[in-house]
Amino acid sequence: MLIVQDVLISDDVIEQEFICNLSACKGACCWDGDYGAPVTAEEEQTISSILEVIKPNLPLESQKLLEEKGAFGNFTKENWRGTALHPNGSCVFMIFDEGGTAQCGIEKTQQTGAIEFKKPLSCHLYPIRVNKQEPASFEAWNYDVWEICSTACDLGKKESLPVYKFLKEAIVRYKGEHFYDELDQAAEHMLAQKNENNT
């Protein structure tokens, strides 16, 4: 395990390899699951404030769900607030492109320049899951293994791209460039030491 600033980082985040393979999975993480994407209180407030800008880019059934039940729900088993789900398990913000691949309607709206917020950080950081330890002032990053991401693992191995490098943009968004540079240096040092020990 690495410690970078106030974050405990699982070895799997450094050693496992991963690249989202949307051509294979079609964005299944947007519709396959029992819980909505975790959101912070700040994210919930931000999304609520721009919801009327996002809604026209969503399917009519999603717009109806938002009007009837709202954009978020409590997932008590996992103890988090998350995006609302349709009865079939798909995220209320999910849309499809012309090829049938799921996309985030929030991100699609952001790409038009209409809003600045990209999407929930929990989605952007996946497959890293962040567990904040309260009241202690640190958090833990773990690598989440999900069967539907098996093709992403295969592609990551093919391209030899570690999880944390695949997620550079998301990590920089969350923690900043300086944090990512520290993480990268610590990861390279850890891997070099392990290679030495194995020779």
C-alpha atoms as a PDB file:
ATOM      1  CA  MET A   1       0.000   0.000   0.000  1.00  0.00           C
ATOM      2  CA  LEU A   2       1.167   3.512  -0.837  1.00  0.00           C
ATOM      3  CA  ILE A   3       0.577   6.646   1.190  1.00  0.00           C
ATOM      4  CA  VAL A   4       0.423   9.844  -0.840  1.00  0.00           C
ATOM      5  CA  GLN A   5      -0.385  12.952   1.177  1.00  0.00           C
ATOM      6  CA  ASP A   6      -3.543  11.977   3.094  1.00  0.00           C
ATOM      7  CA  VAL A   7      -4.529   9.044   0.867  1.00  0.00           C
ATOM      8  CA  LEU A   8      -3.942   5.320   1.399  1.00  0.00           C
ATOM      9  CA  ILE A   9      -3.712   3.699  -2.028  1.00  0.00           C
ATOM     10  CA  SER A  10      -4.134  -0.018  -2.601  1.00  0.00           C
ATOM     11  CA  ASP A  11      -1.362  -1.812  -4.479  1.00  0.00           C
ATOM     12  CA  ASP A  12      -3.974  -2.951  -7.003  1.00  0.00           C
ATOM     13  CA  VAL A  13      -4.467   0.646  -8.144  1.00  0.00           C
ATOM     14  CA  ILE A  14      -0.798   0.599  -9.155  1.00  0.00           C
ATOM     15  CA  GLU A  15      -0.350  -2.980 -10.301  1.00  0.00           C
ATOM     16  CA  GLN A  16      -3.614  -3.828 -12.048  1.00  0.00           C
ATOM     17  CA  GLU A  17      -4.106  -2.691 -15.645  1.00  0.00           C
ATOM     18  CA  PHE A  18      -7.280  -1.219 -17.073  1.00  0.00           C
ATOM     19  CA  ILE A  19      -8.653   0.674 -20.081  1.00  0.00           C
ATOM     20  CA  CYS A  20     -12.400   1.120 -20.568  1.00  0.00           C
ATOM     21  CA  ASN A  21     -13.358  -0.884 -23.640  1.00  0.00           C
ATOM     22  CA  LEU A  22     -16.645   0.729 -24.629  1.00  0.00           C
ATOM     23  CA  SER A  23     -16.750  -1.030 -27.978  1.00  0.00           C
ATOM     24  CA  ALA A  24     -17.043  -4.312 -26.061  1.00  0.00           C
ATOM     25  CA  CYS A  25     -19.055  -3.481 -22.929  1.00  0.00           C
ATOM     26  CA  LYS A  26     -21.240  -0.715 -24.450  1.00  0.00           C
ATOM     27  CA  GLY A  27     -21.079   1.207 -21.171  1.00  0.00           C
ATOM     28  CA  ALA A  28     -22.805  -1.501 -19.144  1.00  0.00           C
ATOM     29  CA  CYS A  29     -21.804   0.143 -15.862  1.00  0.00           C
ATOM     30  CA  CYS A  30     -24.475   2.774 -16.586  1.00  0.00           C
ATOM     31  CA  TRP A  31     -27.317   0.234 -16.524  1.00  0.00           C
ATOM     32  CA  ASP A  32     -26.020  -2.849 -14.692  1.00  0.00           C
ATOM     33  CA  GLY A  33     -26.087  -2.579 -10.919  1.00  0.00           C
ATOM     34  CA  ASP A  34     -28.226  -2.229  -7.832  1.00  0.00           C
ATOM     35  CA  TYR A  35     -27.124   1.234  -6.747  1.00  0.00           C
ATOM     36  CA  GLY A  36     -26.853   4.662  -8.320  1.00  0.00           C
ATOM     37  CA  ALA A  37     -23.529   6.424  -8.794  1.00  0.00           C
ATOM     38  CA  PRO A  38     -22.376   7.794  -5.407  1.00  0.00           C
ATOM     39  CA  VAL A  39     -22.506  11.582  -5.130  1.00  0.00           C
ATOM     40  CA  THR A  40     -21.222  13.966  -2.503  1.00  0.00           C
ATOM     41  CA  ALA A  41     -23.470  16.584  -0.933  1.00  0.00           C
ATOM     42  CA  GLU A  42     -21.653  19.222  -2.988  1.00  0.00           C
ATOM     43  CA  GLU A  43     -22.157  17.271  -6.227  1.00  0.00           C
ATOM     44  CA  GLU A  44     -25.824  16.763  -5.432  1.00  0.00           C
ATOM     45  CA  GLN A  45     -26.246  20.491  -4.961  1.00  0.00           C
ATOM     46  CA  THR A  46     -24.345  21.256  -8.187  1.00  0.00           C
ATOM     47  CA  ILE A  47     -26.305  18.784 -10.305  1.00  0.00           C
ATOM     48  CA  SER A  48     -29.599  20.003  -8.847  1.00  0.00           C
ATOM     49  CA  SER A  49     -28.700  23.576  -9.809  1.00  0.00           C
ATOM     50  CA  ILE A  50     -28.085  22.630 -13.463  1.00  0.00           C
ATOM     51  CA  LEU A  51     -30.732  19.936 -13.792  1.00  0.00           C
ATOM     52  CA  GLU A  52     -32.989  21.993 -16.042  1.00  0.00           C
ATOM     53  CA  VAL A  53     -30.103  22.412 -18.500  1.00  0.00           C
ATOM     54  CA  ILE A  54     -29.370  18.671 -18.505  1.00  0.00           C
ATOM     55  CA  LYS A  55     -32.958  17.392 -18.789  1.00  0.00           C
ATOM     56  CA  PRO A  56     -33.551  18.244 -22.487  1.00  0.00           C
ATOM     57  CA  ASN A  57     -30.628  15.942 -23.397  1.00  0.00           C
ATOM     58  CA  LEU A  58     -32.215  12.962 -21.606  1.00  0.00           C
ATOM     59  CA  PRO A  59     -34.865  10.517 -22.842  1.00  0.00           C
ATOM     60  CA  LEU A  60     -38.470  11.430 -22.027  1.00  0.00           C
ATOM     61  CA  GLU A  61     -38.775   8.542 -19.556  1.00  0.00           C
ATOM     62  CA  SER A  62     -35.780   9.906 -17.656  1.00  0.00           C
ATOM     63  CA  GLN A  63     -37.240  13.410 -17.638  1.00  0.00           C
ATOM     64  CA  LYS A  64     -40.461  11.967 -16.230  1.00  0.00           C
ATOM     65  CA  LEU A  65     -38.600  10.037 -13.511  1.00  0.00           C
ATOM     66  CA  LEU A  66     -36.704  13.179 -12.516  1.00  0.00           C
ATOM     67  CA  GLU A  67     -39.952  15.106 -12.214  1.00  0.00           C
ATOM     68  CA  GLU A  68     -41.700  12.373 -10.216  1.00  0.00           C
ATOM     69  CA  LYS A  69     -38.946  11.071  -7.939  1.00  0.00           C
ATOM     70  CA  GLY A  70     -36.020  13.469  -8.204  1.00  0.00           C
ATOM     71  CA  ALA A  71     -32.434  12.960  -9.313  1.00  0.00           C
ATOM     72  CA  PHE A  72     -31.073  11.163  -6.243  1.00  0.00           C
ATOM     73  CA  GLY A  73     -31.882   8.423  -3.774  1.00  0.00           C
ATOM     74  CA  ASN A  74     -30.638   6.834  -0.566  1.00  0.00           C
ATOM     75  CA  PHE A  75     -28.928   3.479  -0.904  1.00  0.00           C
ATOM     76  CA  THR A  76     -28.918   2.466   2.737  1.00  0.00           C
ATOM     77  CA  LYS A  77     -27.250  -0.916   2.286  1.00  0.00           C
ATOM     78  CA  GLU A  78     -24.174   0.848   0.966  1.00  0.00           C
ATOM     79  CA  ASN A  79     -24.791   3.968   3.067  1.00  0.00           C
ATOM     80  CA  TRP A  80     -24.558   6.477   0.248  1.00  0.00           C
ATOM     81  CA  ARG A  81     -26.566   8.976  -1.740  1.00  0.00           C
ATOM     82  CA  GLY A  82     -26.563   8.237  -5.421  1.00  0.00           C
ATOM     83  CA  THR A  83     -28.148   9.016  -8.751  1.00  0.00           C
ATOM     84  CA  ALA A  84     -31.694   7.775  -9.181  1.00  0.00           C
ATOM     85  CA  LEU A  85     -32.335   4.552 -11.089  1.00  0.00           C
ATOM     86  CA  HIS A  86     -35.049   3.383 -13.429  1.00  0.00           C
ATOM     87  CA  PRO A  87     -36.856   0.154 -12.396  1.00  0.00           C
ATOM     88  CA  ASN A  88     -34.560  -1.761 -14.785  1.00  0.00           C
ATOM     89  CA  GLY A  89     -31.470  -0.502 -12.908  1.00  0.00           C
ATOM     90  CA  SER A  90     -30.254   2.047 -15.451  1.00  0.00           C
ATOM     91  CA  CYS A  91     -29.057   5.458 -14.273  1.00  0.00           C
ATOM     92  CA  VAL A  92     -31.526   8.281 -14.772  1.00  0.00           C
ATOM     93  CA  PHE A  93     -28.792  10.275 -16.542  1.00  0.00           C
ATOM     94  CA  MET A  94     -27.933   7.523 -19.040  1.00  0.00           C
ATOM     95  CA  ILE A  95     -28.299   8.155 -22.763  1.00  0.00           C
ATOM     96  CA  PHE A  96     -27.214   6.158 -25.819  1.00  0.00           C
ATOM     97  CA  ASP A  97     -25.139   7.268 -28.776  1.00  0.00           C
ATOM     98  CA  GLU A  98     -25.975   6.277 -32.345  1.00  0.00           C
ATOM     99  CA  GLY A  99     -23.991   3.049 -31.974  1.00  0.00           C
ATOM    100  CA  GLY A 100     -25.929   1.921 -28.915  1.00  0.00           C
ATOM    101  CA  THR A 101     -23.203   2.702 -26.384  1.00  0.00           C
ATOM    102  CA  ALA A 102     -24.314   4.205 -23.080  1.00  0.00           C
ATOM    103  CA  GLN A 103     -23.116   7.694 -22.240  1.00  0.00           C
ATOM    104  CA  CYS A 104     -23.601  10.100 -19.358  1.00  0.00           C
ATOM    105  CA  GLY A 105     -26.189  12.749 -20.142  1.00  0.00           C
ATOM    106  CA  ILE A 106     -24.468  15.126 -17.740  1.00  0.00           C
ATOM    107  CA  GLU A 107     -21.154  14.722 -19.543  1.00  0.00           C
ATOM    108  CA  LYS A 108     -22.852  15.072 -22.927  1.00  0.00           C
ATOM    109  CA  THR A 109     -24.327  18.383 -21.789  1.00  0.00           C
ATOM    110  CA  GLN A 110     -20.919  19.510 -20.519  1.00  0.00           C
ATOM    111  CA  GLN A 111     -19.370  18.721 -23.895  1.00  0.00           C
ATOM    112  CA  THR A 112     -21.727  21.208 -25.550  1.00  0.00           C
ATOM    113  CA  GLY A 113     -20.371  23.959 -23.307  1.00  0.00           C
ATOM    114  CA  ALA A 114     -23.709  24.503 -21.579  1.00  0.00           C
ATOM    115  CA  ILE A 115     -22.385  23.508 -18.136  1.00  0.00           C
ATOM    116  CA  GLU A 116     -18.958  23.120 -16.518  1.00  0.00           C
ATOM    117  CA  PHE A 117     -19.635  20.070 -14.327  1.00  0.00           C
ATOM    118  CA  LYS A 118     -18.488  16.884 -16.072  1.00  0.00           C
ATOM    119  CA  LYS A 119     -20.117  14.013 -14.155  1.00  0.00           C
ATOM    120  CA  PRO A 120     -20.020  12.531 -10.648  1.00  0.00           C
ATOM    121  CA  LEU A 121     -16.462  11.960  -9.525  1.00  0.00           C
ATOM    122  CA  SER A 122     -17.318   8.381  -8.548  1.00  0.00           C
ATOM    123  CA  CYS A 123     -18.012   7.641 -12.228  1.00  0.00           C
ATOM    124  CA  HIS A 124     -14.952   9.522 -13.463  1.00  0.00           C
ATOM    125  CA  LEU A 125     -12.656   7.701 -11.012  1.00  0.00           C
ATOM    126  CA  TYR A 126     -14.016   4.214 -11.622  1.00  0.00           C
ATOM    127  CA  PRO A 127     -12.652   1.519 -11.054  1.00  0.00           C
ATOM    128  CA  ILE A 128     -11.136   3.356  -8.070  1.00  0.00           C
ATOM    129  CA  ARG A 129     -13.528   3.561  -5.139  1.00  0.00           C
ATOM    130  CA  VAL A 130     -12.833   6.226  -2.516  1.00  0.00           C
ATOM    131  CA  ASN A 131     -13.593   5.415   1.116  1.00  0.00           C
ATOM    132  CA  LYS A 132     -13.323   8.428   3.397  1.00  0.00           C
ATOM    133  CA  GLN A 133     -12.449   7.653   7.012  1.00  0.00           C
ATOM    134  CA  GLU A 134     -14.325   9.964   9.351  1.00  0.00           C
ATOM    135  CA  PRO A 135     -13.520  11.650  11.639  1.00  0.00           C
ATOM    136  CA  ALA A 136      -9.921  10.789  10.714  1.00  0.00           C
ATOM    137  CA  SER A 137      -8.511  13.055   8.037  1.00  0.00           C
ATOM    138  CA  PHE A 138      -7.560  10.425   5.479  1.00  0.00           C
ATOM    139  CA  GLU A 139      -9.178   8.349   2.775  1.00  0.00           C
ATOM    140  CA  ALA A 140      -8.525   4.977   1.150  1.00  0.00           C
ATOM    141  CA  TRP A 141      -8.498   4.212  -2.573  1.00  0.00           C
ATOM    142  CA  ASN A 142      -9.320   0.660  -3.580  1.00  0.00           C
ATOM    143  CA  TYR A 143      -9.580  -1.078  -6.930  1.00  0.00           C
ATOM    144  CA  ASP A 144     -13.126  -2.312  -7.518  1.00  0.00           C
ATOM    145  CA  VAL A 145     -13.405  -5.577  -9.430  1.00  0.00           C
ATOM    146  CA  TRP A 146     -16.590  -5.920 -11.508  1.00  0.00           C
ATOM    147  CA  GLU A 147     -17.204  -8.754 -13.935  1.00  0.00           C
ATOM    148  CA  ILE A 148     -18.655  -6.474 -16.596  1.00  0.00           C
ATOM    149  CA  CYS A 149     -15.252  -4.742 -16.783  1.00  0.00           C
ATOM    150  CA  SER A 150     -13.359  -7.908 -17.770  1.00  0.00           C
ATOM    151  CA  THR A 151     -12.759  -6.586 -21.302  1.00  0.00           C
ATOM    152  CA  ALA A 152     -11.317  -3.380 -19.787  1.00  0.00           C
ATOM    153  CA  CYS A 153      -8.870  -5.510 -17.805  1.00  0.00           C
ATOM    154  CA  ASP A 154      -7.918  -7.430 -20.960  1.00  0.00           C
ATOM    155  CA  LEU A 155      -7.328  -4.219 -22.921  1.00  0.00           C
ATOM    156  CA  GLY A 156      -5.348  -2.700 -20.045  1.00  0.00           C
ATOM    157  CA  LYS A 157      -3.072  -5.744 -19.959  1.00  0.00           C
ATOM    158  CA  LYS A 158      -2.642  -5.614 -23.721  1.00  0.00           C
ATOM    159  CA  GLU A 159      -1.569  -1.959 -23.535  1.00  0.00           C
ATOM    160  CA  SER A 160       0.264  -2.340 -20.166  1.00  0.00           C
ATOM    161  CA  LEU A 161      -1.566   0.643 -18.681  1.00  0.00           C
ATOM    162  CA  PRO A 162      -1.980   0.715 -14.880  1.00  0.00           C
ATOM    163  CA  VAL A 163      -5.310   1.753 -13.381  1.00  0.00           C
ATOM    164  CA  TYR A 164      -3.951   5.008 -11.967  1.00  0.00           C
ATOM    165  CA  LYS A 165      -2.449   6.073 -15.301  1.00  0.00           C
ATOM    166  CA  PHE A 166      -5.702   5.344 -17.127  1.00  0.00           C
ATOM    167  CA  LEU A 167      -7.422   7.575 -14.576  1.00  0.00           C
ATOM    168  CA  LYS A 168      -4.937  10.450 -14.712  1.00  0.00           C
ATOM    169  CA  GLU A 169      -7.518  13.019 -15.835  1.00  0.00           C
ATOM    170  CA  ALA A 170      -9.939  12.037 -13.068  1.00  0.00           C
ATOM    171  CA  ILE A 171      -7.238  11.977 -10.388  1.00  0.00           C
ATOM    172  CA  VAL A 172      -5.974  15.408 -11.444  1.00  0.00           C
ATOM    173  CA  ARG A 173      -9.548  16.707 -11.380  1.00  0.00           C
ATOM    174  CA  TYR A 174      -9.966  15.394  -7.835  1.00  0.00           C
ATOM    175  CA  LYS A 175      -6.569  15.985  -6.247  1.00  0.00           C
ATOM    176  CA  GLY A 176      -4.584  18.177  -8.618  1.00  0.00           C
ATOM    177  CA  GLU A 177      -1.454  17.815 -10.761  1.00  0.00           C
ATOM    178  CA  HIS A 178       0.943  17.848  -7.802  1.00  0.00           C
ATOM    179  CA  PHE A 179      -0.826  14.920  -6.154  1.00  0.00           C
ATOM    180  CA  TYR A 180      -0.786  12.909  -9.376  1.00  0.00           C
ATOM    181  CA  ASP A 181       2.931  13.563  -9.868  1.00  0.00           C
ATOM    182  CA  GLU A 182       3.623  12.359  -6.308  1.00  0.00           C
ATOM    183  CA  LEU A 183       1.528   9.272  -6.927  1.00  0.00           C
ATOM    184  CA  ASP A 184       3.298   8.527 -10.196  1.00  0.00           C
ATOM    185  CA  GLN A 185       6.752   8.832  -8.628  1.00  0.00           C
ATOM    186  CA  ALA A 186       5.785   6.656  -5.658  1.00  0.00           C
ATOM    187  CA  ALA A 187       4.239   4.046  -7.961  1.00  0.00           C
ATOM    188  CA  GLU A 188       7.296   3.881 -10.206  1.00  0.00           C
ATOM    189  CA  HIS A 189       9.522   3.473  -7.124  1.00  0.00           C
ATOM    190  CA  MET A 190       7.298   0.719  -5.709  1.00  0.00           C
ATOM    191  CA  LEU A 191       7.241  -1.205  -8.984  1.00  0.00           C
ATOM    192  CA  ALA A 192      11.013  -0.848  -9.413  1.00  0.00           C
ATOM    193  CA  GLN A 193      11.586  -2.260  -5.926  1.00  0.00           C
ATOM    194  CA  LYS A 194       9.266  -5.206  -6.604  1.00  0.00           C
ATOM    195  CA  ASN A 195      11.083  -5.934  -9.860  1.00  0.00           C
ATOM    196  CA  GLU A 196      14.420  -5.918  -8.050  1.00  0.00           C
ATOM    197  CA  ASN A 197      13.111  -8.304  -5.420  1.00  0.00           C
ATOM    198  CA  ASN A 198      11.859 -10.678  -8.107  1.00  0.00           C
ATOM    199  CA  THR A 199      15.188 -10.864  -9.944  1.00  0.00           C
END
